[in-house]
Amino acid sequence: MSSFAQRSGEKELLDRDDIPFEDIRLNMQELDFINRRLGGHRITVDGLRAFTNNQKKDWKVAEIGCGGGDNLRVLKDWAKKEKKNITLTGVDINPHCIHYAESLEDNNGIGFICSDYKNLVFEKKPDVIFSSLFCHHFTNEELVYMLKWMHTNSRIGFFINDLHRHSLAYHSIGILTKLFSKSYLVKNDAPLSVKRGFTRKDWERLFSQAGLNNFTCEWKWAFRWLITYRH
C-alpha cells in the first residue's frame, strides 16, 4: 500500500494538449461505457437527487469538465423520468469536446459552454455545480481553489463524484482495461487515475484548507467517493 499513501503527481496522457481528438472521443465513449457498467453514472444521479428532494420545482445545474456530456445526458433522462424541471449546462475547456457534445442528438436540450471553468462568470448562478472524474486531474493546490470556486459560484451547493485511491481498484481496472479497452488512453490513464484519486483523509484536508466544513463524504461502489457540500 506504500505506493498509494500519497496521490501520484504523474500526469495522464489525456492532460496533454497534443492528443488527436479522435483518440479523445474513443476515450470518452469507453469511459461512458465503464460508468454505465460500474455504476459511476448512478452516483452522479444520487448526488443530484440529494439536492432536488425538496419542494423547489425549477433547478439550474452545471457540470465543469463535462467532456462529451455523458453525465448530463444521464441526468436529463433521470429528470424526465422523475418529472423534474432541470436546466443543464456543461462546461469544458476543450473546444473539440464541446463541438462533439453539441453534435450529439441525445444532448438536445443541454447547454454547453467552452471555457476554462476558472474564467467563467455565470449570468445567473446555478443552484448546483458538480464534477465527475474531473478533480483527480488537478494538484491539491488547484483543488483547494476549485472547491472555493464551486462554493462561490453555486447558489445551493455542489457535489463531486471521483475515485477512491486503493490498490484493489488500481489492479482491477488495470486488468479490465487491458482485456477489453481499444483505447491506449484508457489503458494508460484508467489505472493512473486511481493513483491520482483520493482517500477520505485527502478530502478532509482539502476542504479544511478551502475553509469549508459543511460537507459529507460517502464511499460508493465501485471505489468512488460522493462528496456533497451545502451552503
Protein backbone atom coordinates (compact mmCIF):
# COMPACT_ATOMS: atom_id res chain seq x y z
CA MET A 1 0.00 0.00 0.00
CA SER A 2 3.03 2.31 0.32
CA SER A 3 2.73 3.49 -3.30
CA PHE A 4 -0.88 4.53 -2.55
CA ALA A 5 -0.13 6.52 0.59
CA GLN A 6 0.02 9.78 -1.37
CA ARG A 7 -1.62 10.96 -4.58
CA SER A 8 0.50 10.39 -7.67
CA GLY A 9 1.83 13.51 -9.37
CA GLU A 10 2.22 11.79 -12.74
CA LYS A 11 0.09 13.44 -15.40
CA GLU A 12 -2.33 11.42 -17.51
CA LEU A 13 -2.00 11.32 -21.28
CA LEU A 14 -5.41 12.98 -21.51
CA ASP A 15 -3.96 16.06 -19.83
CA ARG A 16 -1.58 16.67 -22.74
CA ASP A 17 -2.51 19.17 -25.44
CA ASP A 18 -1.23 17.14 -28.40
CA ILE A 19 -3.62 14.17 -28.30
CA PRO A 20 -5.72 13.80 -31.51
CA PHE A 21 -9.41 14.34 -30.86
CA GLU A 22 -10.39 11.00 -32.43
CA ASP A 23 -8.39 9.33 -29.65
CA ILE A 24 -10.08 11.54 -27.06
CA ARG A 25 -13.50 10.68 -28.47
CA LEU A 26 -12.84 6.93 -28.16
CA ASN A 27 -11.62 7.57 -24.63
CA MET A 28 -14.86 9.40 -23.74
CA GLN A 29 -17.01 6.68 -25.29
CA GLU A 30 -15.26 3.95 -23.34
CA LEU A 31 -15.44 5.92 -20.09
CA ASP A 32 -19.18 6.35 -20.64
CA PHE A 33 -19.46 2.57 -21.02
CA ILE A 34 -17.40 2.00 -17.84
CA ASN A 35 -19.56 4.49 -15.93
CA ARG A 36 -22.73 2.75 -17.04
CA ARG A 37 -21.45 -0.74 -16.25
CA LEU A 38 -19.74 0.00 -12.93
CA GLY A 39 -22.30 2.42 -11.52
CA GLY A 40 -20.48 5.72 -11.97
CA HIS A 41 -23.47 7.44 -13.54
CA ARG A 42 -25.72 6.18 -10.75
CA ILE A 43 -23.52 8.03 -8.26
CA THR A 44 -23.97 11.27 -10.21
CA VAL A 45 -27.74 10.80 -10.12
CA ASP A 46 -27.53 10.15 -6.37
CA GLY A 47 -25.59 13.37 -5.94
CA LEU A 48 -28.21 15.49 -7.67
CA ARG A 49 -31.13 13.63 -6.12
CA ALA A 50 -29.89 14.61 -2.66
CA PHE A 51 -30.35 18.28 -3.60
CA THR A 52 -33.63 18.04 -5.50
CA ASN A 53 -35.63 16.01 -2.98
CA ASN A 54 -37.38 19.11 -1.71
CA GLN A 55 -40.19 21.42 -2.86
CA LYS A 56 -38.16 23.59 -5.26
CA LYS A 57 -39.57 22.97 -8.75
CA ASP A 58 -37.01 24.52 -11.10
CA TRP A 59 -33.31 23.74 -10.96
CA LYS A 60 -30.25 25.06 -12.73
CA VAL A 61 -27.37 22.58 -12.73
CA ALA A 62 -23.89 22.98 -14.24
CA GLU A 63 -21.09 20.45 -14.73
CA ILE A 64 -17.45 21.53 -15.01
CA GLY A 65 -15.22 19.27 -17.09
CA CYS A 66 -18.23 17.86 -18.95
CA GLY A 67 -16.37 16.25 -21.88
CA GLY A 68 -18.92 14.84 -24.31
CA GLY A 69 -21.84 15.38 -21.94
CA ASP A 70 -22.49 11.77 -20.89
CA ASN A 71 -23.17 12.70 -17.25
CA LEU A 72 -25.57 15.42 -18.33
CA ARG A 73 -27.41 13.01 -20.65
CA VAL A 74 -27.96 10.65 -17.75
CA LEU A 75 -29.28 13.49 -15.60
CA LYS A 76 -31.55 14.68 -18.41
CA ASP A 77 -33.10 11.22 -18.73
CA TRP A 78 -33.44 10.91 -14.96
CA ALA A 79 -35.09 14.34 -14.66
CA LYS A 80 -37.57 13.44 -17.41
CA LYS A 81 -38.45 10.17 -15.67
CA GLU A 82 -38.83 11.92 -12.32
CA LYS A 83 -40.75 14.84 -13.90
CA LYS A 84 -38.28 17.39 -12.57
CA ASN A 85 -37.69 20.68 -14.37
CA ILE A 86 -33.89 20.92 -14.56
CA THR A 87 -31.84 23.18 -16.83
CA LEU A 88 -28.48 21.54 -17.55
CA THR A 89 -25.26 23.23 -18.66
CA GLY A 90 -21.88 21.65 -19.41
CA VAL A 91 -18.56 23.49 -19.25
CA ASP A 92 -15.31 22.24 -20.79
CA ILE A 93 -12.05 23.90 -21.80
CA ASN A 94 -11.62 21.71 -24.91
CA PRO A 95 -13.46 23.15 -27.95
CA HIS A 96 -13.42 19.76 -29.68
CA CYS A 97 -15.21 18.17 -26.75
CA ILE A 98 -17.82 20.92 -26.77
CA HIS A 99 -18.33 20.60 -30.54
CA TYR A 100 -18.71 16.83 -30.17
CA ALA A 101 -21.18 17.23 -27.28
CA GLU A 102 -23.27 19.72 -29.25
CA SER A 103 -23.33 17.38 -32.28
CA LEU A 104 -24.99 14.52 -30.38
CA GLU A 105 -28.75 14.31 -30.80
CA ASP A 106 -29.08 12.77 -27.33
CA ASN A 107 -27.71 16.03 -25.91
CA ASN A 108 -30.57 18.14 -27.29
CA GLY A 109 -31.82 20.49 -24.61
CA ILE A 110 -28.47 20.66 -22.80
CA GLY A 111 -26.45 23.87 -22.99
CA PHE A 112 -22.69 23.80 -23.48
CA ILE A 113 -20.01 26.43 -22.83
CA CYS A 114 -16.41 26.26 -24.00
CA SER A 115 -14.34 27.85 -21.23
CA ASP A 116 -11.81 27.22 -18.54
CA TYR A 117 -14.12 26.97 -15.52
CA LYS A 118 -11.93 29.48 -13.65
CA ASN A 119 -12.71 32.17 -16.24
CA LEU A 120 -16.43 31.53 -16.32
CA VAL A 121 -18.89 34.07 -14.94
CA PHE A 122 -22.46 32.79 -14.89
CA GLU A 123 -25.20 35.24 -15.80
CA LYS A 124 -27.20 33.57 -13.04
CA LYS A 125 -25.59 31.25 -10.52
CA PRO A 126 -26.53 27.58 -10.92
CA ASP A 127 -28.30 26.07 -7.95
CA VAL A 128 -25.90 23.13 -8.06
CA ILE A 129 -22.46 22.67 -9.63
CA PHE A 130 -20.89 19.24 -9.96
CA SER A 131 -17.96 17.38 -11.45
CA SER A 132 -17.39 13.71 -12.22
CA LEU A 133 -13.93 12.17 -12.68
CA PHE A 134 -12.55 15.70 -13.04
CA CYS A 135 -10.89 16.53 -9.72
CA HIS A 136 -8.20 13.86 -9.89
CA HIS A 137 -6.63 15.64 -12.88
CA PHE A 138 -5.58 18.52 -10.59
CA THR A 139 -2.99 19.11 -7.90
CA ASN A 140 -4.04 19.57 -4.29
CA GLU A 141 -3.39 23.30 -4.53
CA GLU A 142 -5.54 23.57 -7.65
CA LEU A 143 -8.28 21.59 -5.95
CA VAL A 144 -8.43 23.96 -2.99
CA TYR A 145 -9.07 26.77 -5.49
CA MET A 146 -11.70 24.64 -7.28
CA LEU A 147 -13.59 23.93 -4.06
CA LYS A 148 -13.65 27.63 -3.26
CA TRP A 149 -14.81 28.41 -6.80
CA MET A 150 -17.68 25.90 -6.65
CA HIS A 151 -18.67 27.32 -3.29
CA THR A 152 -18.68 30.90 -4.60
CA ASN A 153 -20.47 30.14 -7.87
CA SER A 154 -23.20 27.77 -6.68
CA ARG A 155 -26.39 29.01 -5.06
CA ILE A 156 -27.27 25.94 -3.01
CA GLY A 157 -24.19 23.72 -3.14
CA PHE A 158 -22.05 21.34 -5.13
CA PHE A 159 -21.10 17.69 -5.36
CA ILE A 160 -18.15 15.67 -6.64
CA ASN A 161 -18.02 12.13 -7.99
CA ASP A 162 -14.43 10.88 -8.08
CA LEU A 163 -12.10 7.96 -7.46
CA HIS A 164 -11.02 6.22 -4.28
CA ARG A 165 -7.26 5.63 -4.30
CA HIS A 166 -6.87 1.95 -3.41
CA SER A 167 -4.62 -0.90 -4.55
CA LEU A 168 -7.55 -3.21 -5.36
CA ALA A 169 -9.17 -0.56 -7.56
CA TYR A 170 -5.84 0.06 -9.30
CA HIS A 171 -5.15 -3.58 -10.15
CA SER A 172 -8.77 -4.36 -11.05
CA ILE A 173 -9.17 -1.52 -13.54
CA GLY A 174 -5.76 -2.31 -14.99
CA ILE A 175 -6.81 -5.88 -15.77
CA LEU A 176 -10.21 -4.87 -17.14
CA THR A 177 -8.84 -2.21 -19.48
CA LYS A 178 -6.08 -4.47 -20.78
CA LEU A 179 -8.65 -7.13 -21.63
CA PHE A 180 -11.44 -5.01 -23.09
CA SER A 181 -10.28 -1.50 -23.99
CA LYS A 182 -9.34 -0.44 -27.51
CA SER A 183 -8.13 2.98 -26.32
CA TYR A 184 -4.49 3.49 -25.43
CA LEU A 185 -5.63 6.49 -23.38
CA VAL A 186 -7.95 4.37 -21.27
CA LYS A 187 -5.34 1.62 -20.84
CA ASN A 188 -2.75 4.11 -19.62
CA ASP A 189 -4.92 6.63 -17.78
CA ALA A 190 -7.51 4.46 -16.02
CA PRO A 191 -5.04 2.82 -13.59
CA LEU A 192 -3.07 6.06 -13.22
CA SER A 193 -6.26 7.98 -12.44
CA VAL A 194 -6.80 5.67 -9.44
CA LYS A 195 -3.31 6.56 -8.16
CA ARG A 196 -4.28 10.22 -8.61
CA GLY A 197 -7.53 9.60 -6.70
CA PHE A 198 -8.37 10.29 -3.07
CA THR A 199 -8.77 8.90 0.40
CA ARG A 200 -11.26 10.22 2.92
CA LYS A 201 -8.42 12.00 4.75
CA ASP A 202 -7.45 13.73 1.48
CA TRP A 203 -10.92 15.21 1.18
CA GLU A 204 -10.99 16.26 4.81
CA ARG A 205 -7.65 18.02 4.35
CA LEU A 206 -8.68 19.74 1.09
CA PHE A 207 -11.96 21.05 2.49
CA SER A 208 -10.22 22.27 5.62
CA GLN A 209 -7.67 24.17 3.51
CA ALA A 210 -10.54 25.66 1.49
CA GLY A 211 -12.24 26.79 4.70
CA LEU A 212 -15.32 24.67 4.02
CA ASN A 213 -16.66 22.39 6.76
CA ASN A 214 -20.27 21.50 5.96
CA PHE A 215 -19.68 18.56 3.63
CA THR A 216 -20.36 14.82 3.50
CA CYS A 217 -18.04 12.13 2.13
CA GLU A 218 -19.74 8.87 1.15
CA TRP A 219 -17.99 5.77 -0.20
CA LYS A 220 -19.74 4.29 -3.23
CA TRP A 221 -19.25 1.15 -5.30
CA ALA A 222 -17.02 0.73 -7.23
CA PHE A 223 -14.29 2.62 -5.37
CA ARG A 224 -15.80 6.07 -5.70
CA TRP A 225 -16.41 8.99 -3.38
CA LEU A 226 -19.55 11.12 -3.47
CA ILE A 227 -18.68 14.45 -1.88
CA THR A 228 -21.58 16.81 -1.15
CA TYR A 229 -21.42 20.38 0.09
CA ARG A 230 -24.42 22.54 1.06
CA HIS A 231 -24.38 26.24 1.83
